[in-house]
Protein backbone atom coordinates (compact mmCIF):
# COMPACT_ATOMS: atom_id res chain seq x y z
CA MET A 1 41.25 5.42 34.92
CA ASN A 2 44.37 4.14 36.32
CA ARG A 3 44.93 0.63 34.27
CA ASP A 4 48.05 -0.82 36.16
CA ARG A 5 46.47 -3.74 37.82
CA SER A 6 49.96 -5.19 38.45
CA ARG A 7 48.97 -4.98 41.97
CA SER A 8 45.45 -6.06 42.17
CA ARG A 9 43.94 -9.88 41.23
CA ALA A 10 40.83 -10.69 40.43
CA ILE A 11 39.77 -14.35 41.88
CA LEU A 12 36.70 -15.99 40.38
CA ILE A 13 35.39 -19.29 41.91
CA GLY A 14 33.06 -22.19 40.60
CA THR A 15 31.98 -25.27 39.86
CA PHE A 16 30.13 -27.13 36.47
CA TYR A 17 29.58 -30.50 37.97
CA TYR A 18 29.08 -32.35 41.09
CA ARG A 19 29.47 -35.60 42.74
CA ASP A 20 26.21 -35.28 44.13
CA LEU A 21 23.51 -35.96 41.89
CA GLY A 22 21.01 -34.40 44.10
CA ILE A 23 22.75 -30.64 42.95
CA ARG A 24 21.58 -29.79 40.07
CA PRO A 25 24.51 -27.96 38.00
CA LEU A 26 24.94 -24.55 36.88
CA PRO A 27 26.97 -22.61 34.23
CA ALA A 28 29.43 -21.50 36.21
CA ASP A 29 31.79 -22.38 33.53
CA THR A 30 30.22 -19.89 30.88
CA CYS A 31 29.62 -17.47 33.70
CA ILE A 32 33.16 -17.56 34.68
CA SER A 33 34.53 -17.36 30.99
CA ALA A 34 32.17 -14.46 30.03
CA MET A 35 33.98 -12.44 33.64
CA VAL A 36 36.94 -12.66 31.94
CA ASP A 37 36.00 -11.68 28.75
CA ILE A 38 34.74 -8.13 30.36
CA LEU A 39 37.88 -7.71 32.80
CA THR A 40 40.07 -8.48 30.20
CA GLY A 41 38.22 -5.81 27.32
CA ASP A 42 38.99 -2.41 27.03
CA ALA A 43 36.00 -1.36 29.48
CA CYS A 44 37.95 -3.21 32.69
CA GLY A 45 41.46 -3.17 31.21
CA TRP A 46 42.71 -6.09 33.54
CA PRO A 47 45.66 -8.18 32.09
CA ARG A 48 44.93 -12.26 31.67
CA GLU A 49 47.75 -12.64 34.38
CA ARG A 50 46.20 -11.17 37.02
CA ILE A 51 42.95 -12.82 36.83
CA THR A 52 42.83 -16.65 38.65
CA THR A 53 40.28 -19.24 37.95
CA ILE A 54 39.25 -21.42 40.89
CA GLU A 55 36.90 -24.39 39.14
CA ASP A 56 35.88 -27.56 39.47
CA VAL A 57 38.23 -28.07 42.89
CA ASP A 58 37.53 -31.57 45.26
CA SER A 59 37.70 -30.19 48.58
CA PRO A 60 37.80 -27.61 51.05
CA ARG A 61 41.02 -27.41 51.98
CA ASP A 62 42.25 -27.47 48.00
CA ALA A 63 40.21 -24.80 47.66
CA VAL A 64 41.25 -22.04 50.59
CA MET A 65 45.27 -23.32 49.87
CA GLU A 66 44.88 -21.87 46.40
CA LEU A 67 42.75 -18.80 48.07
CA VAL A 68 45.56 -17.84 50.42
CA ALA A 69 48.56 -18.20 47.92
CA GLN A 70 46.49 -15.52 45.32
CA VAL A 71 45.52 -13.01 47.72
CA ARG A 72 49.55 -12.20 49.53
CA ASP A 73 50.91 -10.21 46.69
CA VAL A 74 47.79 -7.76 46.46
CA THR A 75 47.94 -4.97 47.29
CA ASP A 76 45.69 -2.53 45.45
CA LEU A 77 42.11 -4.12 44.47
CA LEU A 78 41.42 -8.14 45.14
CA LEU A 79 37.98 -9.08 43.56
CA VAL A 80 36.42 -12.48 44.59
CA TYR A 81 33.50 -13.32 42.60
CA TYR A 82 31.61 -16.28 43.09
CA VAL A 83 29.13 -17.86 41.35
CA GLY A 84 26.93 -21.31 42.15
CA HIS A 85 24.30 -22.66 44.79
CA GLY A 86 24.68 -20.93 48.32
CA MET A 87 23.50 -22.98 51.13
CA ARG A 88 22.33 -22.89 54.82
CA THR A 89 23.80 -24.87 57.26
CA ARG A 90 22.15 -25.79 60.64
CA HIS A 91 24.02 -23.27 62.64
CA GLY A 92 22.61 -20.19 60.22
CA GLN A 93 25.69 -20.21 58.24
CA LEU A 94 26.33 -19.22 54.53
CA ALA A 95 27.77 -22.57 52.47
CA LEU A 96 29.32 -21.81 49.34
CA ALA A 97 28.58 -25.00 47.17
CA ALA A 98 31.80 -24.24 45.06
CA LEU A 99 33.38 -27.42 45.00
CA THR A 100 32.32 -31.08 43.13
CA GLY A 101 32.45 -32.78 46.56
CA THR A 102 30.20 -30.59 47.91
CA VAL A 103 26.86 -32.83 49.62
CA ARG A 104 23.74 -31.43 49.90
CA ASP A 105 23.27 -33.60 53.21
CA PRO A 106 23.17 -31.64 55.90
CA GLU A 107 24.77 -33.38 58.42
CA VAL A 108 27.80 -32.90 56.45
CA LEU A 109 27.33 -30.05 54.09
CA ALA A 110 29.46 -27.67 56.72
CA ASP A 111 32.47 -30.35 56.03
CA SER A 112 32.25 -30.43 52.18
CA ALA A 113 31.46 -27.13 50.89
CA LEU A 114 33.54 -23.39 51.04
CA LEU A 115 32.17 -21.36 54.13
CA HIS A 116 31.25 -18.05 53.62
CA PRO A 117 33.08 -17.09 57.25
CA ARG A 118 36.59 -19.00 55.81
CA LEU A 119 36.40 -17.07 52.74
CA MET A 120 36.10 -14.33 54.67
CA GLU A 121 39.14 -14.86 57.15
CA VAL A 122 41.07 -15.36 53.92
CA LEU A 123 40.35 -11.92 52.87
CA ARG A 124 40.85 -10.19 56.08
CA GLY A 125 44.91 -11.53 55.78
CA SER A 126 45.08 -10.03 52.38
CA PRO A 127 47.11 -6.85 52.11
CA ALA A 128 44.49 -5.25 49.73
CA ALA A 129 43.73 -1.91 49.97
CA THR A 130 40.28 -2.41 48.20
CA LYS A 131 38.39 -5.84 48.21
CA LEU A 132 35.55 -6.48 46.56
CA MET A 133 33.43 -9.57 47.22
CA VAL A 134 30.89 -10.59 44.44
CA LEU A 135 28.19 -13.53 45.13
CA ASP A 136 25.96 -14.48 42.49
CA CYS A 137 23.77 -17.35 44.72
CA CYS A 138 21.04 -17.71 46.51
CA HIS A 139 20.85 -16.19 50.19
CA ALA A 140 23.86 -14.41 49.23
CA GLU A 141 22.50 -11.53 51.80
CA MET A 142 23.50 -14.13 54.82
CA GLY A 143 27.27 -12.92 53.87
CA MET A 144 26.49 -9.54 55.56
CA ASP A 145 25.58 -11.22 58.54
CA ALA A 146 27.66 -10.66 61.64
CA ASP A 147 27.36 -13.46 63.78
CA PHE A 148 25.22 -15.79 61.18
CA LEU A 149 22.49 -16.54 63.12
CA PHE A 150 18.71 -15.34 62.16
CA GLN A 151 18.34 -14.15 65.40
CA SER A 152 20.46 -11.23 65.38
CA GLY A 153 18.88 -9.25 62.34
CA PRO A 154 20.85 -7.47 60.14
CA ALA A 155 24.10 -5.81 61.20
CA ASP A 156 26.99 -3.78 59.56
CA LEU A 157 29.46 -6.33 57.89
CA THR A 158 32.54 -4.48 59.56
CA ASP A 159 30.74 -6.05 63.00
CA GLY A 160 31.33 -9.07 62.26
CA TYR A 161 33.93 -9.18 59.52
CA PRO A 162 36.38 -5.95 59.99
CA VAL A 163 37.72 -6.24 56.79
CA ASP A 164 39.31 -2.83 55.19
CA GLY A 165 38.29 -1.68 52.34
CA LEU A 166 35.37 -4.78 52.05
CA TYR A 167 32.44 -4.19 49.18
CA PHE A 168 30.04 -6.48 48.97
CA MET A 169 27.24 -7.19 46.13
CA GLY A 170 24.79 -10.13 46.21
CA ALA A 171 22.30 -11.86 44.36
CA SER A 172 19.79 -11.88 46.61
CA THR A 173 18.40 -11.22 49.77
CA ARG A 174 19.06 -14.18 52.66
CA TYR A 175 15.12 -15.65 51.81
CA GLN A 176 15.45 -15.11 48.15
CA LYS A 177 16.84 -17.80 45.64
CA ALA A 178 18.49 -16.20 42.43
CA LYS A 179 17.74 -17.40 39.27
CA ALA A 180 19.80 -18.93 36.12
CA PRO A 181 17.17 -19.84 32.91
CA ILE A 182 17.06 -23.12 32.04
CA GLY A 183 19.75 -23.80 29.50
CA GLY A 184 20.98 -20.73 29.74
CA ARG A 185 24.56 -19.67 29.04
CA LEU A 186 24.74 -16.96 32.05
CA THR A 187 23.06 -16.51 35.69
CA ARG A 188 20.53 -13.30 35.27
CA PHE A 189 22.72 -11.71 37.95
CA THR A 190 25.56 -12.30 36.24
CA HIS A 191 24.49 -11.25 32.72
CA THR A 192 23.01 -8.30 33.81
CA PHE A 193 26.40 -7.27 35.53
CA ILE A 194 28.08 -7.83 32.41
CA ASP A 195 26.01 -5.97 30.65
CA VAL A 196 26.42 -2.70 32.55
CA VAL A 197 29.71 -2.82 32.42
CA ARG A 198 29.62 -3.32 28.46
CA THR A 199 26.85 -0.98 27.74
CA GLY A 200 27.79 1.90 29.97
CA ILE A 201 25.27 3.58 32.25
CA PRO A 202 23.85 7.01 30.37
CA GLY A 203 24.54 10.50 32.28
CA LYS A 204 27.08 9.14 34.34
CA PRO A 205 30.93 9.83 34.64
CA ALA A 206 33.76 8.56 32.07
CA GLU A 207 34.28 5.91 35.65
CA LEU A 208 31.93 3.97 36.93
CA THR A 209 32.57 3.18 40.40
CA PRO A 210 31.14 -0.64 41.91
CA GLN A 211 27.89 1.17 43.50
CA GLN A 212 27.34 3.12 40.05
CA ILE A 213 27.63 -1.01 38.48
CA PHE A 214 25.65 -2.59 41.20
CA VAL A 215 22.87 0.02 41.34
CA GLU A 216 22.07 0.20 37.82
CA ALA A 217 21.97 -3.59 38.11
CA ARG A 218 19.52 -3.95 40.61
CA VAL A 219 17.05 -1.40 38.72
CA ARG A 220 17.14 -3.71 35.85
CA LEU A 221 16.58 -6.72 37.60
CA LEU A 222 14.19 -5.41 39.52
CA GLN A 223 12.42 -4.25 36.53
CA ALA A 224 12.61 -7.83 35.02
CA GLY A 225 10.89 -9.19 38.06
CA LEU A 226 13.55 -11.16 39.28
CA PRO A 227 14.88 -11.33 43.52
CA GLN A 228 16.54 -7.89 44.39
CA PRO A 229 20.28 -8.01 44.64
CA VAL A 230 21.72 -6.27 47.98
CA ASP A 231 24.48 -4.39 48.50
CA GLY A 232 27.07 -3.15 51.60
CA GLY A 233 30.08 -2.74 53.55
CA VAL A 234 32.92 -0.40 54.81
CA ARG A 235 32.04 3.31 53.82
CA ASP A 236 34.00 4.95 50.80
CA ALA A 237 35.49 1.66 50.09
CA TYR A 238 32.96 1.18 46.60
CA GLN A 239 34.10 4.82 45.59
CA PHE A 240 37.30 3.34 43.13
CA PRO A 241 37.21 3.85 39.65
CA PHE A 242 35.95 0.06 38.37
CA ALA A 243 35.34 0.46 34.47
CA ARG A 244 35.24 2.87 31.49
CA ASN A 245 31.40 4.25 30.68
CA ALA A 246 30.91 3.62 27.44
CA ALA A 247 27.79 5.49 27.38
CA PHE A 248 29.48 8.49 28.39
CA ARG A 249 29.55 11.74 26.05
CA ALA A 250 31.59 14.48 26.48
CA PRO A 251 29.83 17.87 26.13
CA PRO A 252 30.95 19.69 22.60
CA ASP A 253 33.13 21.66 23.07
CA THR A 254 32.86 24.78 20.70
CA GLY A 255 35.72 26.63 20.83
CA ALA A 256 34.06 30.06 21.08
CA ALA A 257 33.85 32.69 24.02
CA PRO A 258 30.83 33.44 25.53
CA ASP A 259 29.18 36.49 24.28
CA ALA A 260 29.69 39.39 26.86
CA ARG A 261 26.16 40.97 27.71
CA THR A 262 25.22 44.40 29.20
CA PRO A 263 22.14 45.94 30.99
CA THR A 264 19.44 47.43 28.39
CA GLY A 265 20.67 50.91 27.78
CA ALA A 266 24.11 50.73 27.42
CA ASP A 267 24.47 49.46 23.31
CA GLY A 268 21.40 48.73 22.82
CA ASP A 269 21.88 45.03 24.37
CA ARG A 270 19.58 43.00 26.62
CA GLU A 271 20.03 41.72 29.78
CA ASP A 272 18.53 38.01 28.30
CA GLY A 273 20.51 37.66 25.61
CA GLU A 274 18.34 38.74 23.01
CA GLY A 275 19.91 41.82 21.77
CA PRO A 276 23.35 41.60 19.55
CA PRO A 277 26.36 41.00 21.24
CA CYS A 278 28.27 43.96 22.54
CA SER A 279 31.76 44.21 21.91
CA THR A 280 34.35 45.04 24.45
CA THR A 281 37.06 46.78 22.22
CA ALA A 282 36.82 50.00 20.91
CA PRO A 283 35.94 50.70 17.49
CA PRO A 284 38.22 51.15 14.60
CA ALA A 285 38.25 54.70 13.74
CA VAL A 286 36.59 55.63 10.19
CA PRO A 287 38.65 57.68 8.04
CA PRO A 288 36.89 61.06 6.93
CA ASP A 289 36.04 59.26 3.37
CA ALA A 290 34.06 57.11 4.96
CA LEU A 291 31.66 59.19 6.62
CA PRO A 292 27.74 59.61 5.42
CA VAL A 293 27.78 62.47 2.99
CA ALA A 294 24.22 64.57 2.62
CA PRO A 295 22.33 62.68 -0.37
CA LYS A 296 20.86 65.23 -2.67
CA ALA A 297 17.49 66.35 -2.17
CA ARG A 298 14.27 64.34 -3.23
CA SER A 299 11.31 66.22 -2.79
CA GLY A 300 12.05 67.02 0.60
CA ARG A 301 12.07 63.29 2.02
CA TRP A 302 14.91 62.63 3.86
CA ARG A 303 16.19 65.09 6.59
CA PRO A 304 19.45 64.02 8.68
CA GLY A 305 19.67 64.34 11.99
CA ARG A 306 22.28 66.58 14.15
CA ARG A 307 24.63 63.67 15.17
CA ALA A 308 25.36 63.29 11.11
CA LEU A 309 25.55 66.61 10.29
CA LEU A 310 28.04 67.31 13.31
CA LEU A 311 30.16 63.97 12.40
CA ALA A 312 29.85 65.39 8.71
CA GLY A 313 31.62 68.72 10.14
CA LEU A 314 34.13 66.78 12.36
CA GLY A 315 35.05 65.04 9.45
CA GLY A 316 35.87 68.22 7.23
CA THR A 317 33.02 67.99 5.16
CA ALA A 318 31.60 71.14 6.68
CA GLY A 319 29.45 71.91 2.70
CA ALA A 320 27.16 69.34 4.17
CA VAL A 321 26.34 70.93 7.44
CA ALA A 322 26.02 74.42 5.24
CA VAL A 323 23.09 72.94 3.60
CA PRO A 324 19.91 74.19 4.41
CA LEU A 325 17.89 71.92 6.50
CA GLY A 326 14.53 72.52 4.69
CA LEU A 327 16.33 71.00 1.74
CA TYR A 328 16.12 67.50 3.33
CA SER A 329 13.34 67.94 5.65
CA ARG A 330 9.32 65.93 5.41
CA HIS A 331 8.07 69.06 5.63
CA PRO A 332 8.99 72.74 4.81
CA VAL A 333 10.60 74.09 8.11
CA ALA A 334 8.35 77.09 9.04
CA PRO A 335 10.11 80.54 11.20
CA ARG A 336 10.46 79.60 14.72
CA THR A 337 8.04 81.90 16.54
CA SER A 338 8.51 83.94 19.80
CA ARG A 339 7.67 81.20 22.73
CA ARG A 340 6.51 84.28 24.90
CA ARG A 341 2.64 84.29 25.86
CA PRO A 342 1.29 87.69 24.33
CA PRO A 343 0.08 89.92 27.13
CA ARG A 344 -3.36 89.41 28.56
CA ALA A 345 -5.84 92.54 28.18
CA GLU A 346 -6.60 94.37 31.03
CA GLY A 347 -10.02 94.30 32.53
CA PRO A 348 -11.75 96.90 34.43
CA GLY A 349 -9.93 98.51 37.10
CA GLY A 350 -6.45 97.43 35.46
CA ARG A 351 -7.25 93.86 36.20
CA ARG A 352 -6.35 91.40 33.58
CA SER A 353 -9.01 89.13 32.43
CA GLY A 354 -9.28 86.01 34.10
CA THR A 355 -7.30 87.15 37.64
CA PRO A 356 -9.60 86.32 40.39
CA ARG A 357 -11.10 88.69 42.75
CA CYS A 358 -9.26 88.67 46.14
CA ALA A 359 -12.20 88.10 48.81
CA ASN A 360 -11.20 91.50 50.43
CA GLU A 361 -11.81 93.35 47.27
CA ALA A 362 -15.05 95.10 47.00
């Protein structure tokens, strides 16, 4: 995997407290710290200076000014991660309660929170080749609406935000609320995302793409009965390597070439590999002294074949050929008789016995 992140940047956004006491605080600070640790670890390999945290900012203007300044020098990968509350405005827009000055009142929510359309405008102005947006909040799927109106239905993310190379991850659907354990250090989605990157995915390649990480995280969240995460974006924008797969195991390299097999009958081998391996090289020459010599007669229990006698004769031990075969046979060798049939006796009229009469004979 390419570990050069000098032209990339990760922006982590969140706040730990609100001046509006009606908004419950979330463990955004510990989630951001955990994300920094996993990004700068061996799995992802980000340098710490290429990671920016925007925490406890008071107003939307301050947040936008900080974002614009950070995305201008990014030409490779731009990662934007938000953890916190996701609220809906009266116009059906997704409002990120990422600021300490966010007010829950619908009359001023749009003016006190970071609106998702404004955040997407910032990403659209970035020269980054690939943008990865991760929203860990309630109603996260609303970030994929083209015009942010519920009557419009689902639409492609590129219809409303023509952002080149954008891939989107959300912790919940538009009608669901993301969950965080009471008193916990991490939200459910962030904890699962980090755990997948840390432990890896068995059976996957050595490098994991964002979509592979998301699919595994979605499976684990659904198995735990948690809200369903969503994803989407521009085709091929999620296929870049993001993290090293800690569960990857390379196949063992034995270093031995596979055995060559020949069909049955060539050298005693079998096509199914059950026979002994055949050799593709010629057998070494055997000196005459190493050729088998006919043993002494042992009550006629052993009889050499023609091939052994022929080889013995060619090797120079002509004495083995001259040995009578009867000395080495299991049974005495009887003299060979003629194979011609004896003449049949002729019957009356000069006909051999057993010869049928013709139909016109008297």
